[in-house]
Amino acid sequence: MIRVLIVDVESQARACLRTELEAVKDITVVGEVADTSQAADAVSKH
């Protein structure tokens, strides 16, 4: 299982990417954030 955290400032881009990734059997999207500081916090939680 591949776990993915999506990081992009554009919410529309995050939503599109999540949709595409969730369609892949072995990928789990664990979250979405808008910037690198949020990403660092999210990574430490997962």
PDB file of N, CA and C in Angstrom:
ATOM      1  N   MET A   1       0.842  -1.181   0.000  1.00  0.00           N
ATOM      2  CA  MET A   1       0.000   0.000   0.000  1.00  0.00           C
ATOM      3  C   MET A   1       0.884   1.241   0.000  1.00  0.00           C
ATOM      4  N   ILE A   2       0.595   2.157  -0.891  1.00  0.00           N
ATOM      5  CA  ILE A   2       1.299   3.434  -0.972  1.00  0.00           C
ATOM      6  C   ILE A   2       0.405   4.496  -0.351  1.00  0.00           C
ATOM      7  N   ARG A   3       0.976   5.228   0.610  1.00  0.00           N
ATOM      8  CA  ARG A   3       0.241   6.301   1.278  1.00  0.00           C
ATOM      9  C   ARG A   3       0.744   7.635   0.748  1.00  0.00           C
ATOM     10  N   VAL A   4      -0.191   8.519   0.374  1.00  0.00           N
ATOM     11  CA  VAL A   4       0.164   9.778  -0.283  1.00  0.00           C
ATOM     12  C   VAL A   4      -0.436  10.957   0.476  1.00  0.00           C
ATOM     13  N   LEU A   5       0.382  11.980   0.660  1.00  0.00           N
ATOM     14  CA  LEU A   5      -0.084  13.266   1.172  1.00  0.00           C
ATOM     15  C   LEU A   5       0.015  14.252   0.013  1.00  0.00           C
ATOM     16  N   ILE A   6      -1.093  14.868  -0.347  1.00  0.00           N
ATOM     17  CA  ILE A   6      -1.118  15.806  -1.464  1.00  0.00           C
ATOM     18  C   ILE A   6      -0.834  17.210  -0.936  1.00  0.00           C
ATOM     19  N   VAL A   7       0.163  17.868  -1.539  1.00  0.00           N
ATOM     20  CA  VAL A   7       0.528  19.234  -1.149  1.00  0.00           C
ATOM     21  C   VAL A   7       0.481  20.113  -2.392  1.00  0.00           C
ATOM     22  N   ASP A   8      -0.443  21.065  -2.394  1.00  0.00           N
ATOM     23  CA  ASP A   8      -0.549  22.016  -3.500  1.00  0.00           C
ATOM     24  C   ASP A   8      -1.341  23.219  -3.013  1.00  0.00           C
ATOM     25  N   VAL A   9      -0.928  24.394  -3.405  1.00  0.00           N
ATOM     26  CA  VAL A   9      -1.610  25.616  -2.984  1.00  0.00           C
ATOM     27  C   VAL A   9      -3.009  25.724  -3.592  1.00  0.00           C
ATOM     28  N   GLU A  10      -3.218  25.125  -4.733  1.00  0.00           N
ATOM     29  CA  GLU A  10      -4.508  25.203  -5.421  1.00  0.00           C
ATOM     30  C   GLU A  10      -5.440  24.078  -4.972  1.00  0.00           C
ATOM     31  N   SER A  11      -6.545  24.438  -4.369  1.00  0.00           N
ATOM     32  CA  SER A  11      -7.485  23.425  -3.881  1.00  0.00           C
ATOM     33  C   SER A  11      -8.063  22.590  -5.021  1.00  0.00           C
ATOM     34  N   GLN A  12      -8.292  23.205  -6.167  1.00  0.00           N
ATOM     35  CA  GLN A  12      -8.822  22.476  -7.325  1.00  0.00           C
ATOM     36  C   GLN A  12      -7.828  21.420  -7.792  1.00  0.00           C
ATOM     37  N   ALA A  13      -6.551  21.758  -7.792  1.00  0.00           N
ATOM     38  CA  ALA A  13      -5.517  20.797  -8.196  1.00  0.00           C
ATOM     39  C   ALA A  13      -5.469  19.635  -7.206  1.00  0.00           C
ATOM     40  N   ARG A  14      -5.570  19.946  -5.916  1.00  0.00           N
ATOM     41  CA  ARG A  14      -5.578  18.876  -4.908  1.00  0.00           C
ATOM     42  C   ARG A  14      -6.767  17.950  -5.107  1.00  0.00           C
ATOM     43  N   ALA A  15      -7.919  18.517  -5.367  1.00  0.00           N
ATOM     44  CA  ALA A  15      -9.131  17.715  -5.557  1.00  0.00           C
ATOM     45  C   ALA A  15      -9.009  16.810  -6.776  1.00  0.00           C
ATOM     46  N   CYS A  16      -8.497  17.358  -7.868  1.00  0.00           N
ATOM     47  CA  CYS A  16      -8.332  16.548  -9.091  1.00  0.00           C
ATOM     48  C   CYS A  16      -7.332  15.424  -8.873  1.00  0.00           C
ATOM     49  N   LEU A  17      -6.232  15.756  -8.236  1.00  0.00           N
ATOM     50  CA  LEU A  17      -5.213  14.738  -7.981  1.00  0.00           C
ATOM     51  C   LEU A  17      -5.745  13.658  -7.050  1.00  0.00           C
ATOM     52  N   ARG A  18      -6.485  14.051  -6.016  1.00  0.00           N
ATOM     53  CA  ARG A  18      -7.078  13.065  -5.102  1.00  0.00           C
ATOM     54  C   ARG A  18      -7.986  12.110  -5.860  1.00  0.00           C
ATOM     55  N   THR A  19      -8.815  12.649  -6.732  1.00  0.00           N
ATOM     56  CA  THR A  19      -9.730  11.821  -7.517  1.00  0.00           C
ATOM     57  C   THR A  19      -8.962  10.796  -8.342  1.00  0.00           C
ATOM     58  N   GLU A  20      -7.915  11.246  -8.999  1.00  0.00           N
ATOM     59  CA  GLU A  20      -7.106  10.339  -9.826  1.00  0.00           C
ATOM     60  C   GLU A  20      -6.410   9.282  -8.967  1.00  0.00           C
ATOM     61  N   LEU A  21      -5.828   9.690  -7.867  1.00  0.00           N
ATOM     62  CA  LEU A  21      -5.078   8.741  -7.031  1.00  0.00           C
ATOM     63  C   LEU A  21      -5.990   7.739  -6.340  1.00  0.00           C
ATOM     64  N   GLU A  22      -7.161   8.171  -5.911  1.00  0.00           N
ATOM     65  CA  GLU A  22      -8.077   7.259  -5.234  1.00  0.00           C
ATOM     66  C   GLU A  22      -8.604   6.170  -6.159  1.00  0.00           C
ATOM     67  N   ALA A  23      -8.495   6.381  -7.451  1.00  0.00           N
ATOM     68  CA  ALA A  23      -8.925   5.368  -8.413  1.00  0.00           C
ATOM     69  C   ALA A  23      -7.905   4.241  -8.562  1.00  0.00           C
ATOM     70  N   VAL A  24      -6.710   4.451  -8.030  1.00  0.00           N
ATOM     71  CA  VAL A  24      -5.648   3.449  -8.125  1.00  0.00           C
ATOM     72  C   VAL A  24      -5.735   2.523  -6.918  1.00  0.00           C
ATOM     73  N   LYS A  25      -5.762   1.244  -7.180  1.00  0.00           N
ATOM     74  CA  LYS A  25      -6.002   0.222  -6.153  1.00  0.00           C
ATOM     75  C   LYS A  25      -5.026   0.281  -4.980  1.00  0.00           C
ATOM     76  N   ASP A  26      -3.747   0.439  -5.222  1.00  0.00           N
ATOM     77  CA  ASP A  26      -2.743   0.336  -4.163  1.00  0.00           C
ATOM     78  C   ASP A  26      -2.339   1.670  -3.548  1.00  0.00           C
ATOM     79  N   ILE A  27      -3.104   2.735  -3.799  1.00  0.00           N
ATOM     80  CA  ILE A  27      -2.765   4.053  -3.263  1.00  0.00           C
ATOM     81  C   ILE A  27      -3.850   4.515  -2.303  1.00  0.00           C
ATOM     82  N   THR A  28      -3.424   5.008  -1.147  1.00  0.00           N
ATOM     83  CA  THR A  28      -4.325   5.602  -0.177  1.00  0.00           C
ATOM     84  C   THR A  28      -3.906   7.047   0.038  1.00  0.00           C
ATOM     85  N   VAL A  29      -4.821   7.971  -0.179  1.00  0.00           N
ATOM     86  CA  VAL A  29      -4.547   9.381   0.086  1.00  0.00           C
ATOM     87  C   VAL A  29      -4.827   9.620   1.565  1.00  0.00           C
ATOM     88  N   VAL A  30      -3.790  10.008   2.311  1.00  0.00           N
ATOM     89  CA  VAL A  30      -3.938  10.198   3.753  1.00  0.00           C
ATOM     90  C   VAL A  30      -4.284  11.627   4.123  1.00  0.00           C
ATOM     91  N   GLY A  31      -4.168  12.539   3.159  1.00  0.00           N
ATOM     92  CA  GLY A  31      -4.539  13.916   3.441  1.00  0.00           C
ATOM     93  C   GLY A  31      -4.177  14.865   2.325  1.00  0.00           C
ATOM     94  N   GLU A  32      -4.629  16.103   2.526  1.00  0.00           N
ATOM     95  CA  GLU A  32      -4.350  17.190   1.582  1.00  0.00           C
ATOM     96  C   GLU A  32      -4.000  18.425   2.396  1.00  0.00           C
ATOM     97  N   VAL A  33      -2.989  19.153   1.969  1.00  0.00           N
ATOM     98  CA  VAL A  33      -2.625  20.412   2.605  1.00  0.00           C
ATOM     99  C   VAL A  33      -2.222  21.422   1.543  1.00  0.00           C
ATOM    100  N   ALA A  34      -2.198  22.700   1.934  1.00  0.00           N
ATOM    101  CA  ALA A  34      -1.943  23.764   0.971  1.00  0.00           C
ATOM    102  C   ALA A  34      -0.503  24.259   0.946  1.00  0.00           C
ATOM    103  N   ASP A  35       0.283  23.997   2.000  1.00  0.00           N
ATOM    104  CA  ASP A  35       1.654  24.508   1.992  1.00  0.00           C
ATOM    105  C   ASP A  35       2.605  23.594   2.764  1.00  0.00           C
ATOM    106  N   THR A  36       3.876  23.925   2.689  1.00  0.00           N
ATOM    107  CA  THR A  36       4.899  23.039   3.260  1.00  0.00           C
ATOM    108  C   THR A  36       4.858  22.974   4.783  1.00  0.00           C
ATOM    109  N   SER A  37       4.470  24.048   5.447  1.00  0.00           N
ATOM    110  CA  SER A  37       4.390  23.981   6.912  1.00  0.00           C
ATOM    111  C   SER A  37       3.272  23.041   7.340  1.00  0.00           C
ATOM    112  N   GLN A  38       2.158  23.069   6.628  1.00  0.00           N
ATOM    113  CA  GLN A  38       1.074  22.134   6.908  1.00  0.00           C
ATOM    114  C   GLN A  38       1.508  20.713   6.568  1.00  0.00           C
ATOM    115  N   ALA A  39       2.300  20.569   5.523  1.00  0.00           N
ATOM    116  CA  ALA A  39       2.770  19.252   5.124  1.00  0.00           C
ATOM    117  C   ALA A  39       3.651  18.636   6.208  1.00  0.00           C
ATOM    118  N   ALA A  40       4.543  19.427   6.769  1.00  0.00           N
ATOM    119  CA  ALA A  40       5.412  18.919   7.840  1.00  0.00           C
ATOM    120  C   ALA A  40       4.584  18.422   9.024  1.00  0.00           C
ATOM    121  N   ASP A  41       3.553  19.170   9.409  1.00  0.00           N
ATOM    122  CA  ASP A  41       2.683  18.735  10.492  1.00  0.00           C
ATOM    123  C   ASP A  41       1.939  17.466  10.138  1.00  0.00           C
ATOM    124  N   ALA A  42       1.424  17.389   8.917  1.00  0.00           N
ATOM    125  CA  ALA A  42       0.651  16.228   8.478  1.00  0.00           C
ATOM    126  C   ALA A  42       1.521  14.981   8.402  1.00  0.00           C
ATOM    127  N   VAL A  43       2.743  15.132   7.917  1.00  0.00           N
ATOM    128  CA  VAL A  43       3.642  13.981   7.820  1.00  0.00           C
ATOM    129  C   VAL A  43       3.952  13.430   9.203  1.00  0.00           C
ATOM    130  N   SER A  44       4.145  14.292  10.171  1.00  0.00           N
ATOM    131  CA  SER A  44       4.452  13.817  11.528  1.00  0.00           C
ATOM    132  C   SER A  44       3.276  13.069  12.146  1.00  0.00           C
ATOM    133  N   LYS A  45       2.058  13.343  11.700  1.00  0.00           N
ATOM    134  CA  LYS A  45       0.866  12.653  12.197  1.00  0.00           C
ATOM    135  C   LYS A  45       0.670  11.285  11.539  1.00  0.00           C
ATOM    136  N   HIS A  46       1.204  11.129  10.328  1.00  0.00           N
ATOM    137  CA  HIS A  46       0.988   9.881   9.582  1.00  0.00           C
ATOM    138  C   HIS A  46       2.275   9.129   9.544  1.00  0.00           C
TER     139      HIS A  46
END
